[in-house]
Structures are given as C-alpha cells and as structure tokens.
Amino acid sequence: MVGVDNMHGWFQRLWKSRVSLFKRFEEEGAVTKTSASSVSSTSSSPSAASSSQGKTKFEPLKPPSALSSQQRWSRKYDVLVCHSPEDSDTEEAGRLVSFLETTPGGLRCFLRHRDDSPGAAVSTELCEAMQNSHVWALLITPHFLQDEWCKYLMHQALAEGPMSHRIIPLVKNISRAQVPHELKFFFNIDLNVNPHQGYTILNQTVLNYLGELVKKSKPPDCNTESSSKGLSGCSS
C-alpha cells in the first residue's frame, strides 16, 4: 500500500506541474498578443498617419489651358474665315476649317455660307461674326480681291482692330506683291507651297493669341510691383 500511495502522490505532483506549466504558456501568449496589438495601434495612430502623409509628394495643380479659359468663351468663335464664294476658295476654306476644328482642343470657326443665318442681311451677319470672333483669317486669293463682300469685311476688320494681332492674311494663288496695300504691313501665311503647314501655323497663332488674353487678364503681382516701384504697401 505504501508503494501505491507513493505512486499516486507522484502522479498528482506530475499533473500539477504540467497544469502550472500550461497556465504559464497561456499567460505568456496573452502578454505577447497585448504587446503586438499595442504596437499596431501605435503605428495606426493619427500622428503616425499624419507623418506618413507628410512624406507623400503631391504634384502641383497645372494652370488652366487657354482653351478652357473664361477669356476664350467670352466670344462665340475663335476664328472667322473670310473667303470668296468661288468654288476653289470655298473648298480651300473648308479644308482649313476642317483642320482647325479637328485639332486637339477643336477651335470654333465661323465659315460663310455655313454659319450664316438664313434670311439675314449679309452685312449684319459679317459684322456680328467679326465681333463674336477672336481672330480674323482672310483667305487672300485673286477672287478675294474681286469680291465686294470680302473687301467690305477686310476694311471692317482694319477699322475694328488694326493693331490688335487679330488680322491674319492667308495668301493663296497670288504673289506677295498682289497683297492689298492695306495688308502689306501684316505678316501673312503662305499657302502656296505647303497648305498643311500654313494651317498648322494659323492654329498655333490662334492658340498664342488666346494665351495672351489669359496672361493679360491676370492681376499684377502686388509685391513685385510695389518693390520695383518703391511702394510701401498694397491692399489685400
């Protein structure tokens, strides 16, 4: 019996030691989970998020394009194309307008006999189209020089903005010597050799003009002006 009791006591001691060891493992696991969760919460705290966001690089916003500016949309058309009703001139003007309207950004063009209002007076239509267009492109051809309405529009353009960079002569089937005297001091675009290149130059010229409108509409830098002029302050 003594041997049995000793054996029973030995089993009890072994069982208690294993139970205590198991409890110790559980406690250590709980401590590990707690520390891990605290580390995770610290890394996801607002301060950590703000510091990580502070390292993020943001690209500066690009200024609006001249094509989407308020100055451009202040007029109905970007370009008025004036040409004679001769078939060859009408076809040339149609190719030009098709190019301008299908380029990236799509310039808005006024084309005679396409955008005229039926029943309206020719002089009224031409004058309103001029006032509603930023740039006036004159397709100077032998037939242009003979057409009364083309000459009427040319003189109206000269009266409206003689030095405003809005008049652009396009020379076709004539020499420079045949250009009207009123337009000789304007730089013109030659369509005789490479019409497509001339179309491209006109497109870029219109874009440059619209870009200048945007620049002129921006208020001057007060600090720059005051420092250059020696002024002491400026209202904000």
Protein backbone atom coordinates (compact mmCIF):
# COMPACT_ATOMS: atom_id res chain seq x y z
CA MET A 1 0.00 0.00 0.00
CA VAL A 2 2.85 2.29 0.74
CA GLY A 3 4.14 1.79 -2.78
CA VAL A 4 0.72 2.53 -4.23
CA ASP A 5 0.36 5.69 -2.19
CA ASN A 6 3.76 6.84 -3.26
CA MET A 7 2.87 6.18 -6.89
CA HIS A 8 -0.41 8.10 -6.50
CA GLY A 9 1.37 11.05 -4.94
CA TRP A 10 3.93 11.06 -7.74
CA PHE A 11 1.15 11.24 -10.38
CA GLN A 12 -0.51 14.14 -8.57
CA ARG A 13 2.75 16.11 -8.45
CA LEU A 14 3.37 15.44 -12.15
CA TRP A 15 -0.15 16.56 -13.08
CA LYS A 16 0.10 19.78 -11.03
CA SER A 17 3.45 20.64 -12.59
CA ARG A 18 2.03 20.19 -16.12
CA VAL A 19 -1.06 22.29 -15.31
CA SER A 20 1.08 25.11 -13.94
CA LEU A 21 3.36 24.93 -16.98
CA PHE A 22 0.32 25.14 -19.32
CA LYS A 23 -1.03 28.16 -17.44
CA ARG A 24 2.35 29.87 -17.72
CA PHE A 25 2.34 29.33 -21.51
CA GLU A 26 -1.15 30.84 -21.74
CA GLU A 27 -0.12 33.89 -19.76
CA GLU A 28 2.96 34.43 -21.90
CA GLY A 29 0.83 34.16 -25.08
CA ALA A 30 -1.62 36.72 -23.72
CA VAL A 31 1.21 39.13 -22.98
CA THR A 32 2.60 38.70 -26.49
CA LYS A 33 -0.80 39.42 -28.10
CA THR A 34 -1.28 42.51 -25.93
CA SER A 35 2.11 43.95 -26.86
CA ALA A 36 1.53 43.25 -30.55
CA SER A 37 -1.85 44.98 -30.52
CA SER A 38 -0.40 48.00 -28.75
CA VAL A 39 2.32 48.29 -31.37
CA SER A 40 -0.27 48.01 -34.15
CA SER A 41 -2.48 50.71 -32.61
CA THR A 42 0.53 52.99 -32.21
CA SER A 43 1.51 52.64 -35.85
CA SER A 44 -2.06 53.41 -36.98
CA SER A 45 -2.48 56.40 -34.66
CA PRO A 46 -3.33 59.84 -36.18
CA SER A 47 0.16 61.14 -35.51
CA ALA A 48 1.71 58.23 -37.38
CA ALA A 49 -0.77 58.65 -40.23
CA SER A 50 -0.05 62.34 -40.45
CA SER A 51 3.68 61.73 -40.50
CA SER A 52 3.30 59.18 -43.28
CA GLN A 53 1.06 61.55 -45.23
CA GLY A 54 3.60 64.29 -44.72
CA LYS A 55 6.10 62.26 -46.69
CA THR A 56 3.69 61.86 -49.62
CA LYS A 57 4.54 64.06 -52.57
CA PHE A 58 1.68 65.89 -54.26
CA GLU A 59 2.04 67.25 -57.77
CA PRO A 60 1.15 70.95 -58.12
CA LEU A 61 -2.03 71.76 -59.98
CA LYS A 62 -1.46 72.83 -63.56
CA PRO A 63 -2.83 76.22 -64.62
CA PRO A 64 -5.95 76.07 -66.80
CA SER A 65 -5.39 75.91 -70.52
CA ALA A 66 -6.20 78.88 -72.72
CA LEU A 67 -8.82 76.71 -74.43
CA SER A 68 -10.74 76.34 -71.17
CA SER A 69 -10.30 79.93 -70.02
CA GLN A 70 -13.10 82.37 -69.42
CA GLN A 71 -11.48 84.80 -71.86
CA ARG A 72 -11.82 82.33 -74.72
CA TRP A 73 -15.50 81.70 -74.07
CA SER A 74 -16.25 85.41 -73.93
CA ARG A 75 -16.67 85.20 -77.72
CA LYS A 76 -18.66 82.68 -79.74
CA TYR A 77 -15.92 81.87 -82.27
CA ASP A 78 -12.14 81.52 -82.10
CA VAL A 79 -11.59 82.16 -85.82
CA LEU A 80 -13.59 83.85 -88.55
CA VAL A 81 -12.54 82.62 -92.00
CA CYS A 82 -13.34 85.09 -94.77
CA HIS A 83 -13.19 83.83 -98.36
CA SER A 84 -14.79 84.49 -101.72
CA PRO A 85 -17.76 82.40 -102.92
CA GLU A 86 -15.66 80.94 -105.75
CA ASP A 87 -15.67 77.15 -105.67
CA SER A 88 -11.91 76.79 -105.34
CA ASP A 89 -11.81 79.30 -102.47
CA THR A 90 -14.78 77.66 -100.76
CA GLU A 91 -13.04 74.27 -100.94
CA GLU A 92 -9.81 75.70 -99.57
CA ALA A 93 -11.65 77.43 -96.72
CA GLY A 94 -13.49 74.17 -95.98
CA ARG A 95 -10.22 72.24 -95.70
CA LEU A 96 -8.79 74.91 -93.44
CA VAL A 97 -11.80 74.95 -91.13
CA SER A 98 -11.92 71.15 -91.02
CA PHE A 99 -8.28 71.13 -89.89
CA LEU A 100 -8.80 73.77 -87.20
CA GLU A 101 -11.94 72.14 -85.83
CA THR A 102 -10.42 68.64 -85.60
CA THR A 103 -7.09 69.56 -83.97
CA PRO A 104 -6.71 68.86 -80.22
CA GLY A 105 -8.94 71.36 -78.45
CA GLY A 106 -11.07 71.95 -81.55
CA LEU A 107 -11.11 75.62 -82.47
CA ARG A 108 -14.54 77.14 -83.07
CA CYS A 109 -14.76 78.58 -86.58
CA PHE A 110 -17.18 80.82 -88.42
CA LEU A 111 -17.46 79.94 -92.10
CA ARG A 112 -19.50 81.96 -94.54
CA HIS A 113 -22.45 80.17 -96.19
CA ARG A 114 -22.25 77.52 -93.47
CA ASP A 115 -22.84 79.53 -90.30
CA ASP A 116 -24.85 82.43 -91.76
CA SER A 117 -28.42 82.79 -90.58
CA PRO A 118 -30.84 82.29 -93.49
CA GLY A 119 -32.68 85.47 -94.38
CA ALA A 120 -30.32 87.78 -92.51
CA ALA A 121 -28.56 90.71 -94.14
CA VAL A 122 -25.04 89.86 -95.30
CA SER A 123 -23.51 92.99 -93.75
CA THR A 124 -25.19 92.26 -90.42
CA GLU A 125 -24.02 88.64 -90.41
CA LEU A 126 -20.44 89.57 -91.24
CA CYS A 127 -20.24 92.33 -88.66
CA GLU A 128 -21.74 90.18 -85.90
CA ALA A 129 -19.42 87.31 -86.78
CA MET A 130 -16.46 89.67 -86.57
CA GLN A 131 -17.47 90.98 -83.16
CA ASN A 132 -18.03 87.43 -81.90
CA SER A 133 -14.64 86.11 -83.13
CA HIS A 134 -11.22 86.42 -81.54
CA VAL A 135 -9.17 86.18 -84.75
CA TRP A 136 -9.98 87.05 -88.37
CA ALA A 137 -8.36 84.90 -91.06
CA LEU A 138 -8.58 86.42 -94.54
CA LEU A 139 -8.06 83.96 -97.41
CA ILE A 140 -6.47 86.33 -99.95
CA THR A 141 -6.87 84.94 -103.48
CA PRO A 142 -7.47 86.54 -106.91
CA HIS A 143 -11.20 86.06 -106.35
CA PHE A 144 -11.00 87.61 -102.87
CA LEU A 145 -9.57 90.77 -104.42
CA GLN A 146 -12.60 90.98 -106.75
CA ASP A 147 -15.33 90.17 -104.22
CA GLU A 148 -17.07 93.22 -102.74
CA TRP A 149 -18.10 91.48 -99.53
CA CYS A 150 -14.57 90.22 -98.91
CA LYS A 151 -13.21 93.74 -99.31
CA TYR A 152 -16.00 95.04 -97.06
CA LEU A 153 -15.05 92.58 -94.32
CA MET A 154 -11.35 93.36 -94.73
CA HIS A 155 -11.96 97.08 -94.16
CA GLN A 156 -14.26 96.37 -91.23
CA ALA A 157 -11.52 94.26 -89.65
CA LEU A 158 -8.97 97.01 -90.20
CA ALA A 159 -11.32 99.51 -88.57
CA GLU A 160 -12.14 97.18 -85.68
CA GLY A 161 -8.62 96.19 -84.68
CA PRO A 162 -5.85 97.49 -86.94
CA MET A 163 -3.03 96.80 -84.44
CA SER A 164 -4.56 94.06 -82.29
CA HIS A 165 -2.87 90.99 -83.88
CA ARG A 166 -6.32 89.69 -84.77
CA ILE A 167 -5.99 90.02 -88.55
CA ILE A 168 -4.16 87.13 -90.23
CA PRO A 169 -3.88 87.19 -94.05
CA LEU A 170 -3.59 83.80 -95.77
CA VAL A 171 -2.06 84.09 -99.26
CA LYS A 172 -3.18 81.60 -101.91
CA ASN A 173 -2.57 81.66 -105.71
CA ILE A 174 -1.17 85.19 -105.62
CA SER A 175 2.26 86.68 -105.07
CA ARG A 176 3.16 88.90 -102.17
CA ALA A 177 3.19 91.86 -104.50
CA GLN A 178 -0.54 91.32 -105.15
CA VAL A 179 -1.48 91.51 -101.48
CA PRO A 180 -3.73 94.57 -100.87
CA HIS A 181 -1.84 97.64 -99.71
CA GLU A 182 -3.90 97.75 -96.53
CA LEU A 183 -2.47 94.34 -95.51
CA LYS A 184 1.14 94.69 -96.65
CA PHE A 185 2.39 95.56 -93.15
CA PHE A 186 0.87 92.35 -91.71
CA PHE A 187 2.84 89.13 -91.58
CA ASN A 188 0.91 86.70 -93.76
CA ILE A 189 0.79 82.90 -94.02
CA ASP A 190 1.72 81.48 -97.41
CA LEU A 191 -0.48 78.58 -98.52
CA ASN A 192 1.02 78.27 -101.99
CA VAL A 193 3.75 75.73 -101.25
CA ASN A 194 2.57 73.77 -98.20
CA PRO A 195 -1.07 74.44 -97.20
CA HIS A 196 -0.98 71.95 -94.31
CA GLN A 197 1.97 73.76 -92.77
CA GLY A 198 0.10 77.04 -93.15
CA TYR A 199 -2.92 75.54 -91.39
CA THR A 200 -0.67 74.46 -88.52
CA ILE A 201 0.85 77.93 -88.25
CA LEU A 202 -2.61 79.51 -88.13
CA ASN A 203 -3.75 77.07 -85.46
CA GLN A 204 -0.73 77.86 -83.27
CA THR A 205 -1.15 81.59 -83.86
CA VAL A 206 -4.73 81.46 -82.59
CA LEU A 207 -3.66 79.46 -79.53
CA ASN A 208 -0.93 82.00 -78.81
CA TYR A 209 -3.44 84.83 -79.08
CA LEU A 210 -5.79 83.11 -76.63
CA GLY A 211 -2.87 82.51 -74.28
CA GLU A 212 -2.01 86.22 -74.36
CA LEU A 213 -5.60 87.04 -73.42
CA VAL A 214 -5.28 84.85 -70.33
CA LYS A 215 -2.00 86.50 -69.34
CA LYS A 216 -3.40 89.99 -69.74
CA SER A 217 -6.44 89.11 -67.61
CA LYS A 218 -4.32 88.08 -64.60
CA PRO A 219 -3.96 90.76 -61.89
CA PRO A 220 -0.40 92.08 -61.48
CA ASP A 221 1.77 90.73 -58.68
CA CYS A 222 1.35 93.35 -55.99
CA ASN A 223 4.58 92.54 -54.15
CA THR A 224 6.61 92.64 -57.34
CA GLU A 225 5.11 95.95 -58.43
CA SER A 226 5.48 97.58 -55.01
CA SER A 227 9.11 96.51 -54.70
CA SER A 228 10.01 97.67 -58.19
CA LYS A 229 8.21 100.99 -57.78
CA GLY A 230 9.31 101.53 -54.17
CA LEU A 231 5.75 101.46 -52.80
CA SER A 232 5.32 100.69 -49.13
CA GLY A 233 2.21 98.54 -49.26
CA CYS A 234 -0.71 97.15 -51.15
CA SER A 235 -4.28 96.32 -50.18
CA SER A 236 -5.10 92.64 -49.94
